[in-house]
């Protein structure tokens, strides 16, 4: 009983703190400014591809 409550609590805590890698505003975790720009460009490209795929599915 204690073990199941503990595992349930851990699951809630882990799911609550799970990072969202595709959030709308990514955290600037890259210290080098040129690498940060490259990351942001890649992120924007991924969002564009995602929206294009969703648009294709709607058609």
PDB file of N, CA and C in Angstrom:
ATOM      1  N   UNK A   1       0.822  -1.189   0.000  1.00  0.00           N
ATOM      2  CA  UNK A   1       0.000   0.000   0.000  1.00  0.00           C
ATOM      3  C   UNK A   1       0.869   1.256   0.000  1.00  0.00           C
ATOM      4  N   UNK A   2       1.870   1.278   0.850  1.00  0.00           N
ATOM      5  CA  UNK A   2       2.770   2.433   0.898  1.00  0.00           C
ATOM      6  C   UNK A   2       3.535   2.556  -0.417  1.00  0.00           C
ATOM      7  N   UNK A   3       3.945   1.407  -0.959  1.00  0.00           N
ATOM      8  CA  UNK A   3       4.704   1.421  -2.209  1.00  0.00           C
ATOM      9  C   UNK A   3       3.859   1.973  -3.356  1.00  0.00           C
ATOM     10  N   UNK A   4       2.585   1.596  -3.423  1.00  0.00           N
ATOM     11  CA  UNK A   4       1.737   2.091  -4.509  1.00  0.00           C
ATOM     12  C   UNK A   4       1.499   3.592  -4.366  1.00  0.00           C
ATOM     13  N   UNK A   5       1.318   4.074  -3.134  1.00  0.00           N
ATOM     14  CA  UNK A   5       1.144   5.517  -2.921  1.00  0.00           C
ATOM     15  C   UNK A   5       2.412   6.270  -3.291  1.00  0.00           C
ATOM     16  N   UNK A   6       3.566   5.702  -2.949  1.00  0.00           N
ATOM     17  CA  UNK A   6       4.835   6.337  -3.268  1.00  0.00           C
ATOM     18  C   UNK A   6       5.038   6.397  -4.774  1.00  0.00           C
ATOM     19  N   UNK A   7       4.768   5.289  -5.473  1.00  0.00           N
ATOM     20  CA  UNK A   7       4.962   5.294  -6.919  1.00  0.00           C
ATOM     21  C   UNK A   7       3.971   6.231  -7.600  1.00  0.00           C
ATOM     22  N   UNK A   8       2.745   6.327  -7.088  1.00  0.00           N
ATOM     23  CA  UNK A   8       1.769   7.264  -7.646  1.00  0.00           C
ATOM     24  C   UNK A   8       2.238   8.694  -7.443  1.00  0.00           C
ATOM     25  N   UNK A   9       2.754   8.987  -6.270  1.00  0.00           N
ATOM     26  CA  UNK A   9       3.275  10.327  -5.996  1.00  0.00           C
ATOM     27  C   UNK A   9       4.458  10.671  -6.878  1.00  0.00           C
ATOM     28  N   UNK A  10       5.353   9.699  -7.079  1.00  0.00           N
ATOM     29  CA  UNK A  10       6.508   9.932  -7.947  1.00  0.00           C
ATOM     30  C   UNK A  10       6.080  10.153  -9.390  1.00  0.00           C
ATOM     31  N   UNK A  11       5.108   9.377  -9.854  1.00  0.00           N
ATOM     32  CA  UNK A  11       4.620   9.549 -11.223  1.00  0.00           C
ATOM     33  C   UNK A  11       4.028  10.940 -11.415  1.00  0.00           C
ATOM     34  N   UNK A  12       3.255  11.407 -10.432  1.00  0.00           N
ATOM     35  CA  UNK A  12       2.670  12.751 -10.523  1.00  0.00           C
ATOM     36  C   UNK A  12       3.765  13.809 -10.552  1.00  0.00           C
ATOM     37  N   UNK A  13       4.762  13.645  -9.692  1.00  0.00           N
ATOM     38  CA  UNK A  13       5.847  14.617  -9.622  1.00  0.00           C
ATOM     39  C   UNK A  13       6.642  14.635 -10.923  1.00  0.00           C
ATOM     40  N   UNK A  14       6.949  13.460 -11.453  1.00  0.00           N
ATOM     41  CA  UNK A  14       7.717  13.393 -12.692  1.00  0.00           C
ATOM     42  C   UNK A  14       6.934  13.952 -13.868  1.00  0.00           C
ATOM     43  N   UNK A  15       5.646  13.649 -13.950  1.00  0.00           N
ATOM     44  CA  UNK A  15       4.857  14.168 -15.063  1.00  0.00           C
ATOM     45  C   UNK A  15       4.684  15.680 -14.942  1.00  0.00           C
ATOM     46  N   UNK A  16       4.649  16.180 -13.718  1.00  0.00           N
ATOM     47  CA  UNK A  16       4.511  17.621 -13.501  1.00  0.00           C
ATOM     48  C   UNK A  16       5.780  18.362 -13.917  1.00  0.00           C
ATOM     49  N   UNK A  17       6.938  17.764 -13.671  1.00  0.00           N
ATOM     50  CA  UNK A  17       8.216  18.418 -13.948  1.00  0.00           C
ATOM     51  C   UNK A  17       8.817  18.014 -15.290  1.00  0.00           C
ATOM     52  N   UNK A  18       8.075  17.268 -16.099  1.00  0.00           N
ATOM     53  CA  UNK A  18       8.615  16.810 -17.374  1.00  0.00           C
ATOM     54  C   UNK A  18       8.794  18.009 -18.305  1.00  0.00           C
ATOM     55  N   UNK A  19       9.984  18.187 -18.890  1.00  0.00           N
ATOM     56  CA  UNK A  19      10.182  19.332 -19.780  1.00  0.00           C
ATOM     57  C   UNK A  19       9.413  19.162 -21.078  1.00  0.00           C
ATOM     58  N   UNK A  20       8.927  20.261 -21.575  1.00  0.00           N
ATOM     59  CA  UNK A  20       8.237  20.252 -22.861  1.00  0.00           C
ATOM     60  C   UNK A  20       9.208  20.812 -23.887  1.00  0.00           C
ATOM     61  N   UNK A  21       9.775  19.944 -24.723  1.00  0.00           N
ATOM     62  CA  UNK A  21      10.806  20.369 -25.659  1.00  0.00           C
ATOM     63  C   UNK A  21      10.252  21.210 -26.794  1.00  0.00           C
ATOM     64  N   UNK A  22       8.962  21.176 -26.999  1.00  0.00           N
ATOM     65  CA  UNK A  22       8.370  21.924 -28.097  1.00  0.00           C
ATOM     66  C   UNK A  22       7.429  22.997 -27.578  1.00  0.00           C
ATOM     67  N   UNK A  23       7.844  23.672 -26.517  1.00  0.00           N
ATOM     68  CA  UNK A  23       7.019  24.765 -26.022  1.00  0.00           C
ATOM     69  C   UNK A  23       7.093  25.938 -26.993  1.00  0.00           C
ATOM     70  N   UNK A  24       6.140  26.844 -26.891  1.00  0.00           N
ATOM     71  CA  UNK A  24       6.082  27.977 -27.807  1.00  0.00           C
ATOM     72  C   UNK A  24       7.297  28.889 -27.632  1.00  0.00           C
ATOM     73  N   UNK A  25       7.737  29.101 -26.412  1.00  0.00           N
ATOM     74  CA  UNK A  25       8.898  29.949 -26.152  1.00  0.00           C
ATOM     75  C   UNK A  25       9.990  29.099 -25.509  1.00  0.00           C
ATOM     76  N   UNK A  26      10.926  28.571 -26.305  1.00  0.00           N
ATOM     77  CA  UNK A  26      11.961  27.704 -25.735  1.00  0.00           C
ATOM     78  C   UNK A  26      12.914  28.490 -24.833  1.00  0.00           C
ATOM     79  N   UNK A  27      13.389  27.823 -23.814  1.00  0.00           N
ATOM     80  CA  UNK A  27      14.339  28.448 -22.902  1.00  0.00           C
ATOM     81  C   UNK A  27      15.700  28.554 -23.589  1.00  0.00           C
ATOM     82  N   UNK A  28      16.375  29.702 -23.464  1.00  0.00           N
ATOM     83  CA  UNK A  28      17.702  29.843 -24.088  1.00  0.00           C
ATOM     84  C   UNK A  28      18.776  29.160 -23.249  1.00  0.00           C
ATOM     85  N   UNK A  29      18.881  27.842 -23.381  1.00  0.00           N
ATOM     86  CA  UNK A  29      19.841  27.094 -22.580  1.00  0.00           C
ATOM     87  C   UNK A  29      21.216  27.054 -23.228  1.00  0.00           C
ATOM     88  N   UNK A  30      21.347  27.571 -24.466  1.00  0.00           N
ATOM     89  CA  UNK A  30      22.633  27.587 -25.150  1.00  0.00           C
ATOM     90  C   UNK A  30      23.302  28.927 -24.857  1.00  0.00           C
ATOM     91  N   UNK A  31      24.515  28.884 -24.337  1.00  0.00           N
ATOM     92  CA  UNK A  31      25.190  30.114 -23.927  1.00  0.00           C
ATOM     93  C   UNK A  31      25.784  30.878 -25.107  1.00  0.00           C
ATOM     94  N   UNK A  32      26.302  30.175 -26.101  1.00  0.00           N
ATOM     95  CA  UNK A  32      26.923  30.813 -27.259  1.00  0.00           C
ATOM     96  C   UNK A  32      25.838  31.448 -28.133  1.00  0.00           C
ATOM     97  N   UNK A  33      25.915  32.772 -28.393  1.00  0.00           N
ATOM     98  CA  UNK A  33      24.853  33.444 -29.159  1.00  0.00           C
ATOM     99  C   UNK A  33      24.650  32.893 -30.568  1.00  0.00           C
ATOM    100  N   UNK A  34      25.732  32.515 -31.260  1.00  0.00           N
ATOM    101  CA  UNK A  34      25.562  31.985 -32.621  1.00  0.00           C
ATOM    102  C   UNK A  34      24.876  30.622 -32.588  1.00  0.00           C
ATOM    103  N   UNK A  35      25.227  29.793 -31.613  1.00  0.00           N
ATOM    104  CA  UNK A  35      24.559  28.498 -31.473  1.00  0.00           C
ATOM    105  C   UNK A  35      23.098  28.694 -31.071  1.00  0.00           C
ATOM    106  N   UNK A  36      22.836  29.715 -30.259  1.00  0.00           N
ATOM    107  CA  UNK A  36      21.470  30.000 -29.844  1.00  0.00           C
ATOM    108  C   UNK A  36      20.621  30.394 -31.053  1.00  0.00           C
ATOM    109  N   UNK A  37      21.174  31.225 -31.947  1.00  0.00           N
ATOM    110  CA  UNK A  37      20.451  31.608 -33.163  1.00  0.00           C
ATOM    111  C   UNK A  37      20.158  30.390 -34.031  1.00  0.00           C
ATOM    112  N   UNK A  38      21.139  29.498 -34.140  1.00  0.00           N
ATOM    113  CA  UNK A  38      20.944  28.282 -34.931  1.00  0.00           C
ATOM    114  C   UNK A  38      19.832  27.429 -34.322  1.00  0.00           C
ATOM    115  N   UNK A  39      19.809  27.327 -33.004  1.00  0.00           N
ATOM    116  CA  UNK A  39      18.774  26.559 -32.322  1.00  0.00           C
ATOM    117  C   UNK A  39      17.394  27.155 -32.593  1.00  0.00           C
ATOM    118  N   UNK A  40      17.285  28.485 -32.493  1.00  0.00           N
ATOM    119  CA  UNK A  40      15.997  29.146 -32.710  1.00  0.00           C
ATOM    120  C   UNK A  40      15.534  28.944 -34.149  1.00  0.00           C
ATOM    121  N   UNK A  41      16.468  29.015 -35.109  1.00  0.00           N
ATOM    122  CA  UNK A  41      16.102  28.784 -36.516  1.00  0.00           C
ATOM    123  C   UNK A  41      15.587  27.358 -36.707  1.00  0.00           C
ATOM    124  N   UNK A  42      16.270  26.391 -36.102  1.00  0.00           N
ATOM    125  CA  UNK A  42      15.829  24.997 -36.214  1.00  0.00           C
ATOM    126  C   UNK A  42      14.465  24.807 -35.569  1.00  0.00           C
ATOM    127  N   UNK A  43      14.246  25.464 -34.445  1.00  0.00           N
ATOM    128  CA  UNK A  43      12.965  25.368 -33.749  1.00  0.00           C
ATOM    129  C   UNK A  43      11.846  25.938 -34.612  1.00  0.00           C
ATOM    130  N   UNK A  44      12.095  27.095 -35.227  1.00  0.00           N
ATOM    131  CA  UNK A  44      11.088  27.711 -36.089  1.00  0.00           C
ATOM    132  C   UNK A  44      10.812  26.835 -37.306  1.00  0.00           C
ATOM    133  N   UNK A  45      11.864  26.230 -37.859  1.00  0.00           N
ATOM    134  CA  UNK A  45      11.679  25.330 -38.997  1.00  0.00           C
ATOM    135  C   UNK A  45      10.818  24.140 -38.604  1.00  0.00           C
ATOM    136  N   UNK A  46      11.060  23.600 -37.422  1.00  0.00           N
ATOM    137  CA  UNK A  46      10.252  22.462 -36.957  1.00  0.00           C
ATOM    138  C   UNK A  46       8.795  22.866 -36.798  1.00  0.00           C
ATOM    139  N   UNK A  47       8.545  24.070 -36.288  1.00  0.00           N
ATOM    140  CA  UNK A  47       7.163  24.542 -36.153  1.00  0.00           C
ATOM    141  C   UNK A  47       6.507  24.723 -37.516  1.00  0.00           C
ATOM    142  N   UNK A  48       7.271  25.246 -38.491  1.00  0.00           N
ATOM    143  CA  UNK A  48       6.724  25.424 -39.838  1.00  0.00           C
ATOM    144  C   UNK A  48       6.372  24.077 -40.459  1.00  0.00           C
ATOM    145  N   UNK A  49       7.263  23.105 -40.315  1.00  0.00           N
ATOM    146  CA  UNK A  49       7.004  21.766 -40.862  1.00  0.00           C
ATOM    147  C   UNK A  49       5.773  21.169 -40.198  1.00  0.00           C
ATOM    148  N   UNK A  50       5.661  21.333 -38.893  1.00  0.00           N
ATOM    149  CA  UNK A  50       4.515  20.802 -38.162  1.00  0.00           C
ATOM    150  C   UNK A  50       3.219  21.435 -38.646  1.00  0.00           C
ATOM    151  N   UNK A  51       3.220  22.754 -38.826  1.00  0.00           N
ATOM    152  CA  UNK A  51       1.995  23.415 -39.277  1.00  0.00           C
ATOM    153  C   UNK A  51       1.660  23.022 -40.710  1.00  0.00           C
ATOM    154  N   UNK A  52       2.680  22.823 -41.554  1.00  0.00           N
ATOM    155  CA  UNK A  52       2.423  22.376 -42.928  1.00  0.00           C
ATOM    156  C   UNK A  52       1.825  20.972 -42.938  1.00  0.00           C
ATOM    157  N   UNK A  53       2.330  20.100 -42.073  1.00  0.00           N
ATOM    158  CA  UNK A  53       1.789  18.744 -42.000  1.00  0.00           C
ATOM    159  C   UNK A  53       0.346  18.767 -41.514  1.00  0.00           C
ATOM    160  N   UNK A  54       0.050  19.616 -40.538  1.00  0.00           N
ATOM    161  CA  UNK A  54      -1.330  19.727 -40.061  1.00  0.00           C
ATOM    162  C   UNK A  54      -2.233  20.262 -41.165  1.00  0.00           C
ATOM    163  N   UNK A  55      -1.733  21.219 -41.942  1.00  0.00           N
ATOM    164  CA  UNK A  55      -2.506  21.783 -43.045  1.00  0.00           C
ATOM    165  C   UNK A  55      -2.786  20.708 -44.096  1.00  0.00           C
ATOM    166  N   UNK A  56      -1.791  19.856 -44.366  1.00  0.00           N
ATOM    167  CA  UNK A  56      -1.965  18.768 -45.331  1.00  0.00           C
ATOM    168  C   UNK A  56      -3.023  17.778 -44.840  1.00  0.00           C
ATOM    169  N   UNK A  57      -3.057  17.534 -43.535  1.00  0.00           N
ATOM    170  CA  UNK A  57      -4.032  16.595 -42.981  1.00  0.00           C
ATOM    171  C   UNK A  57      -5.448  17.151 -43.061  1.00  0.00           C
ATOM    172  N   UNK A  58      -5.573  18.475 -42.967  1.00  0.00           N
ATOM    173  CA  UNK A  58      -6.900  19.096 -43.010  1.00  0.00           C
ATOM    174  C   UNK A  58      -7.497  18.989 -44.408  1.00  0.00           C
ATOM    175  N   UNK A  59      -6.643  19.097 -45.431  1.00  0.00           N
ATOM    176  CA  UNK A  59      -7.135  19.059 -46.823  1.00  0.00           C
ATOM    177  C   UNK A  59      -7.805  17.766 -47.175  1.00  0.00           C
TER     178      UNK A  59
END
